[in-house]
PDB file of all heavy atoms in Angstrom:
ATOM      1  N   SER A   1      -7.767  -1.717  -9.400  1.00  0.00           N
ATOM      2  CA  SER A   1      -8.097  -1.202  -8.051  1.00  0.00           C
ATOM      3  C   SER A   1      -6.838  -1.097  -7.206  1.00  0.00           C
ATOM      4  O   SER A   1      -6.648  -0.147  -6.439  1.00  0.00           O
ATOM      5  CB  SER A   1      -9.133  -2.073  -7.367  1.00  0.00           C
ATOM      6  OG  SER A   1      -8.681  -3.405  -7.207  1.00  0.00           O
ATOM      7  N   VAL A   2      -5.929  -2.081  -7.332  1.00  0.00           N
ATOM      8  CA  VAL A   2      -4.654  -2.018  -6.591  1.00  0.00           C
ATOM      9  C   VAL A   2      -3.826  -0.840  -7.060  1.00  0.00           C
ATOM     10  O   VAL A   2      -3.244  -0.109  -6.250  1.00  0.00           O
ATOM     11  CB  VAL A   2      -3.879  -3.341  -6.764  1.00  0.00           C
ATOM     12  CG1 VAL A   2      -2.454  -3.183  -6.264  1.00  0.00           C
ATOM     13  CG2 VAL A   2      -4.577  -4.460  -6.034  1.00  0.00           C
ATOM     14  N   ALA A   3      -3.761  -0.616  -8.365  1.00  0.00           N
ATOM     15  CA  ALA A   3      -3.002   0.531  -8.904  1.00  0.00           C
ATOM     16  C   ALA A   3      -3.568   1.845  -8.375  1.00  0.00           C
ATOM     17  O   ALA A   3      -2.796   2.765  -8.040  1.00  0.00           O
ATOM     18  CB  ALA A   3      -3.037   0.511 -10.425  1.00  0.00           C
ATOM     19  N   ALA A   4      -4.877   1.956  -8.279  1.00  0.00           N
ATOM     20  CA  ALA A   4      -5.503   3.161  -7.747  1.00  0.00           C
ATOM     21  C   ALA A   4      -5.043   3.432  -6.320  1.00  0.00           C
ATOM     22  O   ALA A   4      -4.665   4.572  -5.973  1.00  0.00           O
ATOM     23  CB  ALA A   4      -7.028   3.051  -7.820  1.00  0.00           C
ATOM     24  N   ILE A   5      -5.052   2.397  -5.491  1.00  0.00           N
ATOM     25  CA  ILE A   5      -4.662   2.542  -4.087  1.00  0.00           C
ATOM     26  C   ILE A   5      -3.173   2.859  -3.967  1.00  0.00           C
ATOM     27  O   ILE A   5      -2.752   3.703  -3.178  1.00  0.00           O
ATOM     28  CB  ILE A   5      -5.030   1.276  -3.309  1.00  0.00           C
ATOM     29  CG1 ILE A   5      -6.538   1.049  -3.333  1.00  0.00           C
ATOM     30  CG2 ILE A   5      -4.525   1.367  -1.861  1.00  0.00           C
ATOM     31  CD1 ILE A   5      -6.964  -0.326  -2.889  1.00  0.00           C
ATOM     32  N   ARG A   6      -2.369   2.191  -4.793  1.00  0.00           N
ATOM     33  CA  ARG A   6      -0.915   2.427  -4.745  1.00  0.00           C
ATOM     34  C   ARG A   6      -0.574   3.852  -5.183  1.00  0.00           C
ATOM     35  O   ARG A   6       0.239   4.549  -4.539  1.00  0.00           O
ATOM     36  CB  ARG A   6      -0.211   1.417  -5.670  1.00  0.00           C
ATOM     37  CG  ARG A   6       1.289   1.640  -5.787  1.00  0.00           C
ATOM     38  CD  ARG A   6       1.956   0.603  -6.673  1.00  0.00           C
ATOM     39  NE  ARG A   6       1.292   0.419  -7.957  1.00  0.00           N
ATOM     40  CZ  ARG A   6       1.391   1.272  -8.982  1.00  0.00           C
ATOM     41  NH1 ARG A   6       2.116   2.383  -8.844  1.00  0.00           N
ATOM     42  NH2 ARG A   6       0.762   1.034 -10.122  1.00  0.00           N
ATOM     43  N   GLU A   7      -1.191   4.319  -6.249  1.00  0.00           N
ATOM     44  CA  GLU A   7      -0.896   5.665  -6.732  1.00  0.00           C
ATOM     45  C   GLU A   7      -1.369   6.735  -5.727  1.00  0.00           C
ATOM     46  O   GLU A   7      -0.711   7.736  -5.542  1.00  0.00           O
ATOM     47  CB  GLU A   7      -1.550   5.879  -8.106  1.00  0.00           C
ATOM     48  CG  GLU A   7      -0.917   5.086  -9.247  1.00  0.00           C
ATOM     49  CD  GLU A   7       0.443   5.628  -9.653  1.00  0.00           C
ATOM     50  OE1 GLU A   7       0.742   6.822  -9.373  1.00  0.00           O
ATOM     51  OE2 GLU A   7       1.236   4.872 -10.221  1.00  0.00           O
ATOM     52  N   LEU A   8      -2.513   6.463  -5.115  1.00  0.00           N
ATOM     53  CA  LEU A   8      -3.001   7.396  -4.087  1.00  0.00           C
ATOM     54  C   LEU A   8      -1.999   7.502  -2.966  1.00  0.00           C
ATOM     55  O   LEU A   8      -1.674   8.625  -2.492  1.00  0.00           O
ATOM     56  CB  LEU A   8      -4.342   6.912  -3.554  1.00  0.00           C
ATOM     57  CG  LEU A   8      -4.963   7.732  -2.426  1.00  0.00           C
ATOM     58  CD1 LEU A   8      -5.352   9.128  -2.916  1.00  0.00           C
ATOM     59  CD2 LEU A   8      -6.168   7.012  -1.827  1.00  0.00           C
ATOM     60  N   TRP A   9      -1.461   6.365  -2.519  1.00  0.00           N
ATOM     61  CA  TRP A   9      -0.463   6.354  -1.446  1.00  0.00           C
ATOM     62  C   TRP A   9       0.831   7.057  -1.864  1.00  0.00           C
ATOM     63  O   TRP A   9       1.340   7.901  -1.170  1.00  0.00           O
ATOM     64  CB  TRP A   9      -0.182   4.911  -1.023  1.00  0.00           C
ATOM     65  CG  TRP A   9       1.099   4.749  -0.259  1.00  0.00           C
ATOM     66  CD1 TRP A   9       2.247   4.162  -0.716  1.00  0.00           C
ATOM     67  CD2 TRP A   9       1.364   5.177   1.072  1.00  0.00           C
ATOM     68  NE1 TRP A   9       3.210   4.178   0.251  1.00  0.00           N
ATOM     69  CE2 TRP A   9       2.697   4.800   1.371  1.00  0.00           C
ATOM     70  CE3 TRP A   9       0.632   5.803   2.049  1.00  0.00           C
ATOM     71  CZ2 TRP A   9       3.303   5.073   2.598  1.00  0.00           C
ATOM     72  CZ3 TRP A   9       1.208   6.079   3.292  1.00  0.00           C
ATOM     73  CH2 TRP A   9       2.524   5.706   3.541  1.00  0.00           C
ATOM     74  N   GLU A  10       1.327   6.710  -3.054  1.00  0.00           N
ATOM     75  CA  GLU A  10       2.608   7.250  -3.496  1.00  0.00           C
ATOM     76  C   GLU A  10       2.527   8.769  -3.696  1.00  0.00           C
ATOM     77  O   GLU A  10       3.471   9.495  -3.338  1.00  0.00           O
ATOM     78  CB  GLU A  10       3.041   6.579  -4.804  1.00  0.00           C
ATOM     79  CG  GLU A  10       3.417   5.119  -4.641  1.00  0.00           C
ATOM     80  CD  GLU A  10       3.745   4.444  -5.947  1.00  0.00           C
ATOM     81  OE1 GLU A  10       3.548   5.074  -7.007  1.00  0.00           O
ATOM     82  OE2 GLU A  10       4.143   3.266  -5.902  1.00  0.00           O
ATOM     83  N   GLU A  11       1.444   9.242  -4.267  1.00  0.00           N
ATOM     84  CA  GLU A  11       1.383  10.661  -4.649  1.00  0.00           C
ATOM     85  C   GLU A  11       0.813  11.576  -3.567  1.00  0.00           C
ATOM     86  O   GLU A  11       1.029  12.796  -3.633  1.00  0.00           O
ATOM     87  CB  GLU A  11       0.579  10.817  -5.935  1.00  0.00           C
ATOM     88  CG  GLU A  11       1.233  10.134  -7.129  1.00  0.00           C
ATOM     89  CD  GLU A  11       0.530  10.403  -8.444  1.00  0.00           C
ATOM     90  OE1 GLU A  11      -0.558  11.004  -8.450  1.00  0.00           O
ATOM     91  OE2 GLU A  11       1.085  10.007  -9.488  1.00  0.00           O
ATOM     92  N   THR A  12       0.090  11.007  -2.596  1.00  0.00           N
ATOM     93  CA  THR A  12      -0.501  11.872  -1.561  1.00  0.00           C
ATOM     94  C   THR A  12      -0.178  11.413  -0.137  1.00  0.00           C
ATOM     95  O   THR A  12      -0.411  12.189   0.802  1.00  0.00           O
ATOM     96  CB  THR A  12      -2.043  11.922  -1.713  1.00  0.00           C
ATOM     97  OG1 THR A  12      -2.608  10.669  -1.310  1.00  0.00           O
ATOM     98  CG2 THR A  12      -2.439  12.234  -3.145  1.00  0.00           C
ATOM     99  N   GLY A  13       0.294  10.167   0.040  1.00  0.00           N
ATOM    100  CA  GLY A  13       0.502   9.648   1.382  1.00  0.00           C
ATOM    101  C   GLY A  13      -0.755   9.226   2.091  1.00  0.00           C
ATOM    102  O   GLY A  13      -0.730   8.870   3.285  1.00  0.00           O
ATOM    103  N   GLN A  14      -1.871   9.205   1.390  1.00  0.00           N
ATOM    104  CA  GLN A  14      -3.159   8.784   1.972  1.00  0.00           C
ATOM    105  C   GLN A  14      -3.332   7.281   1.871  1.00  0.00           C
ATOM    106  O   GLN A  14      -2.949   6.660   0.867  1.00  0.00           O
ATOM    107  CB  GLN A  14      -4.320   9.506   1.274  1.00  0.00           C
ATOM    108  CG  GLN A  14      -4.311  11.029   1.476  1.00  0.00           C
ATOM    109  CD  GLN A  14      -4.452  11.393   2.942  1.00  0.00           C
ATOM    110  OE1 GLN A  14      -5.237  10.812   3.675  1.00  0.00           O
ATOM    111  NE2 GLN A  14      -3.679  12.391   3.374  1.00  0.00           N
ATOM    112  N   ILE A  15      -3.914   6.690   2.906  1.00  0.00           N
ATOM    113  CA  ILE A  15      -4.043   5.244   3.031  1.00  0.00           C
ATOM    114  C   ILE A  15      -5.477   4.818   2.849  1.00  0.00           C
ATOM    115  O   ILE A  15      -6.352   5.188   3.639  1.00  0.00           O
ATOM    116  CB  ILE A  15      -3.520   4.759   4.396  1.00  0.00           C
ATOM    117  CG1 ILE A  15      -2.046   5.133   4.584  1.00  0.00           C
ATOM    118  CG2 ILE A  15      -3.711   3.269   4.558  1.00  0.00           C
ATOM    119  CD1 ILE A  15      -1.554   4.933   6.008  1.00  0.00           C
ATOM    120  N   LEU A  16      -5.710   4.006   1.836  1.00  0.00           N
ATOM    121  CA  LEU A  16      -7.003   3.345   1.672  1.00  0.00           C
ATOM    122  C   LEU A  16      -6.744   1.880   1.992  1.00  0.00           C
ATOM    123  O   LEU A  16      -6.287   1.098   1.157  1.00  0.00           O
ATOM    124  CB  LEU A  16      -7.503   3.522   0.236  1.00  0.00           C
ATOM    125  CG  LEU A  16      -8.989   3.189  -0.022  1.00  0.00           C
ATOM    126  CD1 LEU A  16      -9.882   4.062   0.860  1.00  0.00           C
ATOM    127  CD2 LEU A  16      -9.350   3.391  -1.479  1.00  0.00           C
ATOM    128  N   GLY A  17      -7.011   1.508   3.244  1.00  0.00           N
ATOM    129  CA  GLY A  17      -6.684   0.168   3.676  1.00  0.00           C
ATOM    130  C   GLY A  17      -7.262  -0.148   5.055  1.00  0.00           C
ATOM    131  O   GLY A  17      -7.809   0.728   5.714  1.00  0.00           O
ATOM    132  N   GLN A  18      -7.138  -1.409   5.438  1.00  0.00           N
ATOM    133  CA  GLN A  18      -7.581  -1.874   6.730  1.00  0.00           C
ATOM    134  C   GLN A  18      -6.383  -2.318   7.561  1.00  0.00           C
ATOM    135  O   GLN A  18      -5.397  -2.825   6.980  1.00  0.00           O
ATOM    136  CB  GLN A  18      -8.557  -3.050   6.578  1.00  0.00           C
ATOM    137  CG  GLN A  18      -9.875  -2.715   5.929  1.00  0.00           C
ATOM    138  CD  GLN A  18     -10.774  -3.942   5.823  1.00  0.00           C
ATOM    139  OE1 GLN A  18     -10.484  -4.987   6.408  1.00  0.00           O
ATOM    140  NE2 GLN A  18     -11.855  -3.812   5.087  1.00  0.00           N
ATOM    141  N   PRO A  19      -6.401  -2.155   8.881  1.00  0.00           N
ATOM    142  CA  PRO A  19      -5.302  -2.677   9.695  1.00  0.00           C
ATOM    143  C   PRO A  19      -5.158  -4.176   9.489  1.00  0.00           C
ATOM    144  O   PRO A  19      -6.143  -4.921   9.428  1.00  0.00           O
ATOM    145  CB  PRO A  19      -5.780  -2.361  11.131  1.00  0.00           C
ATOM    146  CG  PRO A  19      -6.721  -1.221  10.985  1.00  0.00           C
ATOM    147  CD  PRO A  19      -7.426  -1.451   9.667  1.00  0.00           C
ATOM    148  N   GLY A  20      -3.917  -4.602   9.341  1.00  0.00           N
ATOM    149  CA  GLY A  20      -3.690  -6.045   9.116  1.00  0.00           C
ATOM    150  C   GLY A  20      -2.257  -6.317   8.703  1.00  0.00           C
ATOM    151  O   GLY A  20      -1.494  -5.393   8.388  1.00  0.00           O
ATOM    152  N   ALA A  21      -1.891  -7.593   8.729  1.00  0.00           N
ATOM    153  CA  ALA A  21      -0.549  -8.029   8.362  1.00  0.00           C
ATOM    154  C   ALA A  21      -0.564  -8.600   6.958  1.00  0.00           C
ATOM    155  O   ALA A  21      -1.516  -9.290   6.561  1.00  0.00           O
ATOM    156  CB  ALA A  21      -0.049  -9.072   9.355  1.00  0.00           C
ATOM    157  N   TRP A  22       0.479  -8.344   6.215  1.00  0.00           N
ATOM    158  CA  TRP A  22       0.606  -8.858   4.867  1.00  0.00           C
ATOM    159  C   TRP A  22       1.040 -10.333   4.906  1.00  0.00           C
ATOM    160  O   TRP A  22       1.827 -10.724   5.772  1.00  0.00           O
ATOM    161  CB  TRP A  22       1.671  -8.074   4.097  1.00  0.00           C
ATOM    162  CG  TRP A  22       1.192  -6.728   3.642  1.00  0.00           C
ATOM    163  CD1 TRP A  22       0.761  -5.697   4.421  1.00  0.00           C
ATOM    164  CD2 TRP A  22       1.112  -6.264   2.294  1.00  0.00           C
ATOM    165  NE1 TRP A  22       0.414  -4.629   3.647  1.00  0.00           N
ATOM    166  CE2 TRP A  22       0.613  -4.937   2.324  1.00  0.00           C
ATOM    167  CE3 TRP A  22       1.404  -6.826   1.052  1.00  0.00           C
ATOM    168  CZ2 TRP A  22       0.409  -4.189   1.178  1.00  0.00           C
ATOM    169  CZ3 TRP A  22       1.209  -6.088  -0.088  1.00  0.00           C
ATOM    170  CH2 TRP A  22       0.707  -4.779  -0.028  1.00  0.00           C
ATOM    171  N   PRO A  23       0.531 -11.134   3.981  1.00  0.00           N
ATOM    172  CA  PRO A  23       1.019 -12.513   3.876  1.00  0.00           C
ATOM    173  C   PRO A  23       2.408 -12.496   3.187  1.00  0.00           C
ATOM    174  O   PRO A  23       2.529 -12.126   2.046  1.00  0.00           O
ATOM    175  CB  PRO A  23      -0.029 -13.192   2.989  1.00  0.00           C
ATOM    176  CG  PRO A  23      -0.637 -12.064   2.190  1.00  0.00           C
ATOM    177  CD  PRO A  23      -0.570 -10.840   3.063  1.00  0.00           C
ATOM    178  N   GLY A  24       3.428 -12.884   3.902  1.00  0.00           N
ATOM    179  CA  GLY A  24       4.758 -12.845   3.327  1.00  0.00           C
ATOM    180  C   GLY A  24       5.321 -11.438   3.281  1.00  0.00           C
ATOM    181  O   GLY A  24       4.856 -10.538   3.981  1.00  0.00           O
ATOM    182  N   HIS A  25       6.336 -11.228   2.439  1.00  0.00           N
ATOM    183  CA  HIS A  25       6.991  -9.932   2.347  1.00  0.00           C
ATOM    184  C   HIS A  25       6.358  -9.128   1.222  1.00  0.00           C
ATOM    185  O   HIS A  25       6.234  -9.610   0.085  1.00  0.00           O
ATOM    186  CB  HIS A  25       8.485 -10.118   2.087  1.00  0.00           C
ATOM    187  CG  HIS A  25       9.206 -10.788   3.209  1.00  0.00           C
ATOM    188  ND1 HIS A  25       9.439 -10.172   4.407  1.00  0.00           N
ATOM    189  CD2 HIS A  25       9.759 -12.026   3.288  1.00  0.00           C
ATOM    190  CE1 HIS A  25      10.088 -10.989   5.213  1.00  0.00           C
ATOM    191  NE2 HIS A  25      10.292 -12.126   4.562  1.00  0.00           N
ATOM    192  N   PRO A  26       5.970  -7.880   1.488  1.00  0.00           N
ATOM    193  CA  PRO A  26       5.383  -7.058   0.422  1.00  0.00           C
ATOM    194  C   PRO A  26       6.449  -6.664  -0.604  1.00  0.00           C
ATOM    195  O   PRO A  26       7.644  -6.567  -0.271  1.00  0.00           O
ATOM    196  CB  PRO A  26       4.876  -5.830   1.178  1.00  0.00           C
ATOM    197  CG  PRO A  26       5.722  -5.748   2.400  1.00  0.00           C
ATOM    198  CD  PRO A  26       6.015  -7.185   2.773  1.00  0.00           C
ATOM    199  N   PRO A  27       6.055  -6.433  -1.853  1.00  0.00           N
ATOM    200  CA  PRO A  27       6.997  -5.940  -2.855  1.00  0.00           C
ATOM    201  C   PRO A  27       7.604  -4.615  -2.420  1.00  0.00           C
ATOM    202  O   PRO A  27       7.048  -3.903  -1.576  1.00  0.00           O
ATOM    203  CB  PRO A  27       6.154  -5.775  -4.119  1.00  0.00           C
ATOM    204  CG  PRO A  27       4.935  -6.629  -3.875  1.00  0.00           C
ATOM    205  CD  PRO A  27       4.713  -6.632  -2.407  1.00  0.00           C
ATOM    206  N   ALA A  28       8.759  -4.258  -3.015  1.00  0.00           N
ATOM    207  CA  ALA A  28       9.485  -3.060  -2.604  1.00  0.00           C
ATOM    208  C   ALA A  28       8.620  -1.811  -2.687  1.00  0.00           C
ATOM    209  O   ALA A  28       8.690  -0.925  -1.818  1.00  0.00           O
ATOM    210  CB  ALA A  28      10.743  -2.909  -3.457  1.00  0.00           C
ATOM    211  N   ASP A  29       7.802  -1.713  -3.740  1.00  0.00           N
ATOM    212  CA  ASP A  29       7.015  -0.498  -3.889  1.00  0.00           C
ATOM    213  C   ASP A  29       5.793  -0.458  -2.975  1.00  0.00           C
ATOM    214  O   ASP A  29       5.061   0.530  -2.947  1.00  0.00           O
ATOM    215  CB  ASP A  29       6.568  -0.281  -5.363  1.00  0.00           C
ATOM    216  CG  ASP A  29       5.811  -1.460  -5.923  1.00  0.00           C
ATOM    217  OD1 ASP A  29       5.785  -2.530  -5.277  1.00  0.00           O
ATOM    218  OD2 ASP A  29       5.260  -1.328  -7.028  1.00  0.00           O
ATOM    219  N   TRP A  30       5.586  -1.511  -2.184  1.00  0.00           N
ATOM    220  CA  TRP A  30       4.512  -1.522  -1.189  1.00  0.00           C
ATOM    221  C   TRP A  30       5.073  -1.572   0.243  1.00  0.00           C
ATOM    222  O   TRP A  30       4.288  -1.625   1.187  1.00  0.00           O
ATOM    223  CB  TRP A  30       3.587  -2.730  -1.417  1.00  0.00           C
ATOM    224  CG  TRP A  30       2.623  -2.510  -2.528  1.00  0.00           C
ATOM    225  CD1 TRP A  30       2.796  -2.809  -3.860  1.00  0.00           C
ATOM    226  CD2 TRP A  30       1.331  -1.918  -2.444  1.00  0.00           C
ATOM    227  NE1 TRP A  30       1.693  -2.466  -4.578  1.00  0.00           N
ATOM    228  CE2 TRP A  30       0.762  -1.912  -3.737  1.00  0.00           C
ATOM    229  CE3 TRP A  30       0.566  -1.397  -1.396  1.00  0.00           C
ATOM    230  CZ2 TRP A  30      -0.495  -1.408  -4.022  1.00  0.00           C
ATOM    231  CZ3 TRP A  30      -0.716  -0.900  -1.659  1.00  0.00           C
ATOM    232  CH2 TRP A  30      -1.212  -0.900  -2.966  1.00  0.00           C
ATOM    233  N   ALA A  31       6.365  -1.588   0.377  1.00  0.00           N
ATOM    234  CA  ALA A  31       6.963  -1.744   1.706  1.00  0.00           C
ATOM    235  C   ALA A  31       6.566  -0.629   2.659  1.00  0.00           C
ATOM    236  O   ALA A  31       6.243  -0.868   3.834  1.00  0.00           O
ATOM    237  CB  ALA A  31       8.484  -1.848   1.583  1.00  0.00           C
ATOM    238  N   ASP A  32       6.596   0.614   2.192  1.00  0.00           N
ATOM    239  CA  ASP A  32       6.240   1.729   3.053  1.00  0.00           C
ATOM    240  C   ASP A  32       4.763   1.690   3.442  1.00  0.00           C
ATOM    241  O   ASP A  32       4.394   2.012   4.570  1.00  0.00           O
ATOM    242  CB  ASP A  32       6.572   3.071   2.384  1.00  0.00           C
ATOM    243  CG  ASP A  32       8.059   3.308   2.276  1.00  0.00           C
ATOM    244  OD1 ASP A  32       8.822   2.637   3.014  1.00  0.00           O
ATOM    245  OD2 ASP A  32       8.463   4.156   1.444  1.00  0.00           O
ATOM    246  N   PHE A  33       3.904   1.328   2.500  1.00  0.00           N
ATOM    247  CA  PHE A  33       2.483   1.189   2.792  1.00  0.00           C
ATOM    248  C   PHE A  33       2.286   0.110   3.854  1.00  0.00           C
ATOM    249  O   PHE A  33       1.571   0.321   4.845  1.00  0.00           O
ATOM    250  CB  PHE A  33       1.709   0.834   1.518  1.00  0.00           C
ATOM    251  CG  PHE A  33       0.209   0.812   1.659  1.00  0.00           C
ATOM    252  CD1 PHE A  33      -0.566   1.861   1.217  1.00  0.00           C
ATOM    253  CD2 PHE A  33      -0.441  -0.292   2.246  1.00  0.00           C
ATOM    254  CE1 PHE A  33      -1.948   1.839   1.339  1.00  0.00           C
ATOM    255  CE2 PHE A  33      -1.801  -0.329   2.375  1.00  0.00           C
ATOM    256  CZ  PHE A  33      -2.571   0.739   1.924  1.00  0.00           C
ATOM    257  N   ALA A  34       2.902  -1.059   3.660  1.00  0.00           N
ATOM    258  CA  ALA A  34       2.758  -2.150   4.606  1.00  0.00           C
ATOM    259  C   ALA A  34       3.282  -1.775   5.975  1.00  0.00           C
ATOM    260  O   ALA A  34       2.749  -2.229   7.004  1.00  0.00           O
ATOM    261  CB  ALA A  34       3.464  -3.397   4.081  1.00  0.00           C
TER     262      ALA A  34
END
């Protein structure tokens, strides 16, 4: 499910998510999403 959301973001710029803060620092490939 995470891969699905990540690929959607990377390939289309569309966000499947809720407003909120990440716990700690997000990985590099999630930095733009966060």
